Amino acid sequence: MLKKTVIVLAFVTLLMASTVLSMNSSNPQRHNGIYPLTVNSSGIPGLASDRSFQAIKKGLKGYSLYAVDMESLLTNAKTGSVPLEIRGKRFELVLAPDTRTLAPGATDRPIHIFRGSVKGVPGSMATLVISDRAVFATVWIPGEWYYLRSTETKLNGKLVVVGYSSRDGKHSDGIYHY
């Protein structure tokens, strides 16, 4: 019995180690601050009791989880180009800062807003909002919306976000009830 327990623990440790190592990879071309998580939501401490996560997933029949290095993502956004993957779909966002959307003094914390499009996709639109506590992305390619929405949970110092598309919604009217 002890031998089986040790084998199971070693296997779980190896699985978690590969996730942590991939999240801590310093290759900016590969991740650009957003790391797909392969663990189930129940495997992330605190996510089950996270009210923001529960509100998001309530209206969805499918989603993916990602960990976001906020500093790295902001650095990449400031360059004007952010590679992004949501629900298996890859995008190259071409972005520019948008300072017109916030009134001066509207918040005591910096909020960075970027708008643009998806490279090579006519009629596409993209918005990326980054603060010190949250990240939100909305991408439109003709026929489908893609979203990244923050939770309040962190994993190894990185914010956990939910990625989904308009096809993942439970509600046919396209309105998500929070």
C-alpha atoms as a PDB file:
ATOM      1  CA  MET A   1       0.000   0.000   0.000  1.00  0.00           C
ATOM      2  CA  LEU A   2       2.814   2.401   0.902  1.00  0.00           C
ATOM      3  CA  LYS A   3       4.550   1.670  -2.407  1.00  0.00           C
ATOM      4  CA  LYS A   4       1.381   2.595  -4.371  1.00  0.00           C
ATOM      5  CA  THR A   5       1.009   5.836  -2.399  1.00  0.00           C
ATOM      6  CA  VAL A   6       4.629   6.794  -3.118  1.00  0.00           C
ATOM      7  CA  ILE A   7       4.172   6.068  -6.834  1.00  0.00           C
ATOM      8  CA  VAL A   8       0.992   8.190  -6.991  1.00  0.00           C
ATOM      9  CA  LEU A   9       2.646  11.059  -5.108  1.00  0.00           C
ATOM     10  CA  ALA A  10       5.682  10.928  -7.413  1.00  0.00           C
ATOM     11  CA  PHE A  11       3.424  11.013 -10.478  1.00  0.00           C
ATOM     12  CA  VAL A  12       1.399  13.984  -9.162  1.00  0.00           C
ATOM     13  CA  THR A  13       4.633  15.805  -8.277  1.00  0.00           C
ATOM     14  CA  LEU A  14       5.973  15.311 -11.801  1.00  0.00           C
ATOM     15  CA  LEU A  15       2.731  16.618 -13.321  1.00  0.00           C
ATOM     16  CA  MET A  16       2.708  19.716 -11.125  1.00  0.00           C
ATOM     17  CA  ALA A  17       6.436  20.328 -11.671  1.00  0.00           C
ATOM     18  CA  SER A  18       5.992  20.423 -15.441  1.00  0.00           C
ATOM     19  CA  THR A  19       3.170  22.949 -15.063  1.00  0.00           C
ATOM     20  CA  VAL A  20       5.209  25.171 -12.756  1.00  0.00           C
ATOM     21  CA  LEU A  21       8.313  24.931 -14.959  1.00  0.00           C
ATOM     22  CA  SER A  22       6.342  25.853 -18.067  1.00  0.00           C
ATOM     23  CA  MET A  23       4.760  28.799 -16.237  1.00  0.00           C
ATOM     24  CA  ASN A  24       8.167  30.040 -15.132  1.00  0.00           C
ATOM     25  CA  SER A  25       9.710  29.747 -18.576  1.00  0.00           C
ATOM     26  CA  SER A  26      11.520  32.921 -19.560  1.00  0.00           C
ATOM     27  CA  ASN A  27      10.903  32.479 -23.278  1.00  0.00           C
ATOM     28  CA  PRO A  28       8.876  35.623 -24.156  1.00  0.00           C
ATOM     29  CA  GLN A  29       8.173  34.456 -27.711  1.00  0.00           C
ATOM     30  CA  ARG A  30       6.445  31.354 -26.474  1.00  0.00           C
ATOM     31  CA  HIS A  31       4.242  32.730 -23.721  1.00  0.00           C
ATOM     32  CA  ASN A  32       4.187  36.527 -23.776  1.00  0.00           C
ATOM     33  CA  GLY A  33       2.943  36.619 -20.195  1.00  0.00           C
ATOM     34  CA  ILE A  34      -0.038  34.258 -20.630  1.00  0.00           C
ATOM     35  CA  TYR A  35       0.417  30.617 -19.666  1.00  0.00           C
ATOM     36  CA  PRO A  36      -2.214  27.971 -20.485  1.00  0.00           C
ATOM     37  CA  LEU A  37      -3.020  25.859 -17.431  1.00  0.00           C
ATOM     38  CA  THR A  38      -3.514  22.147 -17.872  1.00  0.00           C
ATOM     39  CA  VAL A  39      -4.763  21.561 -14.333  1.00  0.00           C
ATOM     40  CA  ASN A  40      -8.460  21.254 -13.571  1.00  0.00           C
ATOM     41  CA  SER A  41     -10.036  24.215 -11.750  1.00  0.00           C
ATOM     42  CA  SER A  42     -10.392  22.024  -8.638  1.00  0.00           C
ATOM     43  CA  GLY A  43      -6.593  21.694  -8.590  1.00  0.00           C
ATOM     44  CA  ILE A  44      -6.054  25.447  -8.119  1.00  0.00           C
ATOM     45  CA  PRO A  45      -6.244  26.469  -4.448  1.00  0.00           C
ATOM     46  CA  GLY A  46      -8.885  29.103  -3.783  1.00  0.00           C
ATOM     47  CA  LEU A  47     -10.518  28.993  -7.210  1.00  0.00           C
ATOM     48  CA  ALA A  48     -13.543  26.977  -6.035  1.00  0.00           C
ATOM     49  CA  SER A  49     -14.472  29.742  -3.578  1.00  0.00           C
ATOM     50  CA  ASP A  50     -13.564  32.630  -5.927  1.00  0.00           C
ATOM     51  CA  ARG A  51     -16.808  34.585  -6.516  1.00  0.00           C
ATOM     52  CA  SER A  52     -15.589  36.137  -9.754  1.00  0.00           C
ATOM     53  CA  PHE A  53     -14.710  32.713 -11.177  1.00  0.00           C
ATOM     54  CA  GLN A  54     -18.078  31.286 -10.127  1.00  0.00           C
ATOM     55  CA  ALA A  55     -19.911  34.208 -11.787  1.00  0.00           C
ATOM     56  CA  ILE A  56     -17.988  33.793 -15.046  1.00  0.00           C
ATOM     57  CA  LYS A  57     -18.312  30.026 -15.315  1.00  0.00           C
ATOM     58  CA  LYS A  58     -22.014  30.106 -14.398  1.00  0.00           C
ATOM     59  CA  GLY A  59     -22.903  31.315 -17.904  1.00  0.00           C
ATOM     60  CA  LEU A  60     -20.502  29.020 -19.761  1.00  0.00           C
ATOM     61  CA  LYS A  61     -20.572  25.449 -20.980  1.00  0.00           C
ATOM     62  CA  GLY A  62     -16.826  25.467 -21.686  1.00  0.00           C
ATOM     63  CA  TYR A  63     -13.738  27.530 -20.830  1.00  0.00           C
ATOM     64  CA  SER A  64      -9.952  27.378 -20.461  1.00  0.00           C
ATOM     65  CA  LEU A  65      -7.796  28.610 -17.608  1.00  0.00           C
ATOM     66  CA  TYR A  66      -4.623  30.660 -17.948  1.00  0.00           C
ATOM     67  CA  ALA A  67      -2.088  32.207 -15.573  1.00  0.00           C
ATOM     68  CA  VAL A  68      -1.015  35.748 -16.440  1.00  0.00           C
ATOM     69  CA  ASP A  69       2.253  37.453 -15.594  1.00  0.00           C
ATOM     70  CA  MET A  70       0.870  40.996 -15.523  1.00  0.00           C
ATOM     71  CA  GLU A  71       4.254  42.743 -15.898  1.00  0.00           C
ATOM     72  CA  SER A  72       5.263  40.656 -18.889  1.00  0.00           C
ATOM     73  CA  LEU A  73       1.870  41.110 -20.570  1.00  0.00           C
ATOM     74  CA  LEU A  74       1.985  44.894 -20.073  1.00  0.00           C
ATOM     75  CA  THR A  75       5.535  45.062 -21.457  1.00  0.00           C
ATOM     76  CA  ASN A  76       4.426  43.156 -24.558  1.00  0.00           C
ATOM     77  CA  ALA A  77       1.298  45.280 -24.995  1.00  0.00           C
ATOM     78  CA  LYS A  78       3.394  48.453 -24.942  1.00  0.00           C
ATOM     79  CA  THR A  79       5.360  47.123 -27.928  1.00  0.00           C
ATOM     80  CA  GLY A  80       2.100  47.090 -29.917  1.00  0.00           C
ATOM     81  CA  SER A  81       2.068  43.368 -30.599  1.00  0.00           C
ATOM     82  CA  VAL A  82       0.654  40.640 -28.345  1.00  0.00           C
ATOM     83  CA  PRO A  83       0.445  37.010 -29.429  1.00  0.00           C
ATOM     84  CA  LEU A  84      -2.542  35.478 -27.696  1.00  0.00           C
ATOM     85  CA  GLU A  85      -4.229  32.092 -27.584  1.00  0.00           C
ATOM     86  CA  ILE A  86      -7.784  31.703 -26.330  1.00  0.00           C
ATOM     87  CA  ARG A  87      -9.571  28.342 -26.464  1.00  0.00           C
ATOM     88  CA  GLY A  88      -7.040  26.966 -28.939  1.00  0.00           C
ATOM     89  CA  LYS A  89      -7.381  29.881 -31.369  1.00  0.00           C
ATOM     90  CA  ARG A  90      -4.179  31.896 -31.930  1.00  0.00           C
ATOM     91  CA  PHE A  91      -4.195  35.641 -32.525  1.00  0.00           C
ATOM     92  CA  GLU A  92      -1.549  38.270 -33.131  1.00  0.00           C
ATOM     93  CA  LEU A  93      -3.024  41.433 -31.635  1.00  0.00           C
ATOM     94  CA  VAL A  94      -1.847  44.718 -33.128  1.00  0.00           C
ATOM     95  CA  LEU A  95      -2.498  47.284 -30.397  1.00  0.00           C
ATOM     96  CA  ALA A  96      -2.118  50.962 -29.601  1.00  0.00           C
ATOM     97  CA  PRO A  97      -2.648  52.704 -26.245  1.00  0.00           C
ATOM     98  CA  ASP A  98      -6.069  54.291 -25.751  1.00  0.00           C
ATOM     99  CA  THR A  99      -6.092  57.054 -23.143  1.00  0.00           C
ATOM    100  CA  ARG A 100      -9.427  58.539 -24.188  1.00  0.00           C
ATOM    101  CA  THR A 101     -11.576  56.025 -22.322  1.00  0.00           C
ATOM    102  CA  LEU A 102     -10.856  57.082 -18.726  1.00  0.00           C
ATOM    103  CA  ALA A 103     -11.582  60.445 -17.182  1.00  0.00           C
ATOM    104  CA  PRO A 104      -8.573  61.960 -15.398  1.00  0.00           C
ATOM    105  CA  GLY A 105      -8.688  60.957 -11.739  1.00  0.00           C
ATOM    106  CA  ALA A 106     -11.263  58.199 -12.379  1.00  0.00           C
ATOM    107  CA  THR A 107      -9.076  55.753 -10.490  1.00  0.00           C
ATOM    108  CA  ASP A 108      -6.185  56.010  -8.073  1.00  0.00           C
ATOM    109  CA  ARG A 109      -4.422  53.060  -9.744  1.00  0.00           C
ATOM    110  CA  PRO A 110      -2.983  52.938 -13.251  1.00  0.00           C
ATOM    111  CA  ILE A 111      -5.166  51.235 -15.839  1.00  0.00           C
ATOM    112  CA  HIS A 112      -3.659  50.533 -19.245  1.00  0.00           C
ATOM    113  CA  ILE A 113      -6.078  50.266 -22.150  1.00  0.00           C
ATOM    114  CA  PHE A 114      -5.087  49.119 -25.613  1.00  0.00           C
ATOM    115  CA  ARG A 115      -7.238  48.886 -28.739  1.00  0.00           C
ATOM    116  CA  GLY A 116      -6.542  47.458 -32.139  1.00  0.00           C
ATOM    117  CA  SER A 117      -7.185  44.478 -34.362  1.00  0.00           C
ATOM    118  CA  VAL A 118      -6.028  40.978 -35.170  1.00  0.00           C
ATOM    119  CA  LYS A 119      -3.149  40.957 -37.645  1.00  0.00           C
ATOM    120  CA  GLY A 120      -4.273  39.725 -41.053  1.00  0.00           C
ATOM    121  CA  VAL A 121      -7.999  39.547 -40.189  1.00  0.00           C
ATOM    122  CA  PRO A 122     -10.035  42.296 -41.904  1.00  0.00           C
ATOM    123  CA  GLY A 123     -12.901  43.620 -39.795  1.00  0.00           C
ATOM    124  CA  SER A 124     -11.426  42.300 -36.536  1.00  0.00           C
ATOM    125  CA  MET A 125     -11.278  44.265 -33.280  1.00  0.00           C
ATOM    126  CA  ALA A 126      -9.303  43.781 -30.066  1.00  0.00           C
ATOM    127  CA  THR A 127      -9.248  45.416 -26.658  1.00  0.00           C
ATOM    128  CA  LEU A 128      -6.830  44.670 -23.822  1.00  0.00           C
ATOM    129  CA  VAL A 129      -7.201  46.219 -20.353  1.00  0.00           C
ATOM    130  CA  ILE A 130      -4.486  45.706 -17.749  1.00  0.00           C
ATOM    131  CA  SER A 131      -4.357  46.998 -14.183  1.00  0.00           C
ATOM    132  CA  ASP A 132      -2.314  45.855 -11.208  1.00  0.00           C
ATOM    133  CA  ARG A 133      -5.130  43.485 -10.176  1.00  0.00           C
ATOM    134  CA  ALA A 134      -6.945  42.426 -13.343  1.00  0.00           C
ATOM    135  CA  VAL A 135      -6.731  41.789 -17.049  1.00  0.00           C
ATOM    136  CA  PHE A 136      -9.539  41.719 -19.589  1.00  0.00           C
ATOM    137  CA  ALA A 137      -9.263  40.977 -23.291  1.00  0.00           C
ATOM    138  CA  THR A 138     -11.974  40.997 -25.931  1.00  0.00           C
ATOM    139  CA  VAL A 139     -11.246  39.872 -29.477  1.00  0.00           C
ATOM    140  CA  TRP A 140     -13.708  39.958 -32.382  1.00  0.00           C
ATOM    141  CA  ILE A 141     -13.058  38.048 -35.546  1.00  0.00           C
ATOM    142  CA  PRO A 142     -15.960  38.010 -37.980  1.00  0.00           C
ATOM    143  CA  GLY A 143     -18.443  35.487 -36.626  1.00  0.00           C
ATOM    144  CA  GLU A 144     -17.047  34.969 -33.130  1.00  0.00           C
ATOM    145  CA  TRP A 145     -16.005  36.751 -29.934  1.00  0.00           C
ATOM    146  CA  TYR A 146     -13.149  35.618 -27.667  1.00  0.00           C
ATOM    147  CA  TYR A 147     -12.662  36.751 -24.071  1.00  0.00           C
ATOM    148  CA  LEU A 148     -10.172  36.660 -21.210  1.00  0.00           C
ATOM    149  CA  ARG A 149     -11.655  37.581 -17.813  1.00  0.00           C
ATOM    150  CA  SER A 150      -9.830  37.891 -14.484  1.00  0.00           C
ATOM    151  CA  THR A 151     -10.575  35.980 -11.348  1.00  0.00           C
ATOM    152  CA  GLU A 152      -9.389  37.000  -7.892  1.00  0.00           C
ATOM    153  CA  THR A 153      -7.181  33.902  -7.605  1.00  0.00           C
ATOM    154  CA  LYS A 154      -3.422  33.756  -8.071  1.00  0.00           C
ATOM    155  CA  LEU A 155      -1.254  30.720  -8.781  1.00  0.00           C
ATOM    156  CA  ASN A 156       2.464  31.031  -8.077  1.00  0.00           C
ATOM    157  CA  GLY A 157       2.103  34.831  -8.100  1.00  0.00           C
ATOM    158  CA  LYS A 158       0.314  34.899 -11.460  1.00  0.00           C
ATOM    159  CA  LEU A 159      -3.313  35.940 -11.888  1.00  0.00           C
ATOM    160  CA  VAL A 160      -5.682  33.156 -12.988  1.00  0.00           C
ATOM    161  CA  VAL A 161      -7.950  34.179 -15.878  1.00  0.00           C
ATOM    162  CA  VAL A 162     -10.767  32.445 -17.722  1.00  0.00           C
ATOM    163  CA  GLY A 163     -10.717  32.220 -21.514  1.00  0.00           C
ATOM    164  CA  TYR A 164     -13.828  31.489 -23.537  1.00  0.00           C
ATOM    165  CA  SER A 165     -15.561  32.267 -26.820  1.00  0.00           C
ATOM    166  CA  SER A 166     -19.079  33.259 -27.779  1.00  0.00           C
ATOM    167  CA  ARG A 167     -19.666  29.599 -28.689  1.00  0.00           C
ATOM    168  CA  ASP A 168     -19.040  28.616 -25.060  1.00  0.00           C
ATOM    169  CA  GLY A 169     -22.035  30.550 -23.746  1.00  0.00           C
ATOM    170  CA  LYS A 170     -25.058  28.771 -22.294  1.00  0.00           C
ATOM    171  CA  HIS A 171     -27.398  31.618 -23.197  1.00  0.00           C
ATOM    172  CA  SER A 172     -28.527  31.848 -26.805  1.00  0.00           C
ATOM    173  CA  ASP A 173     -29.152  35.594 -26.540  1.00  0.00           C
ATOM    174  CA  GLY A 174     -25.415  36.182 -26.078  1.00  0.00           C
ATOM    175  CA  ILE A 175     -25.939  37.894 -22.742  1.00  0.00           C
ATOM    176  CA  TYR A 176     -23.952  36.547 -19.837  1.00  0.00           C
ATOM    177  CA  HIS A 177     -25.668  36.853 -16.464  1.00  0.00           C
ATOM    178  CA  TYR A 178     -23.331  37.595 -13.554  1.00  0.00           C
END
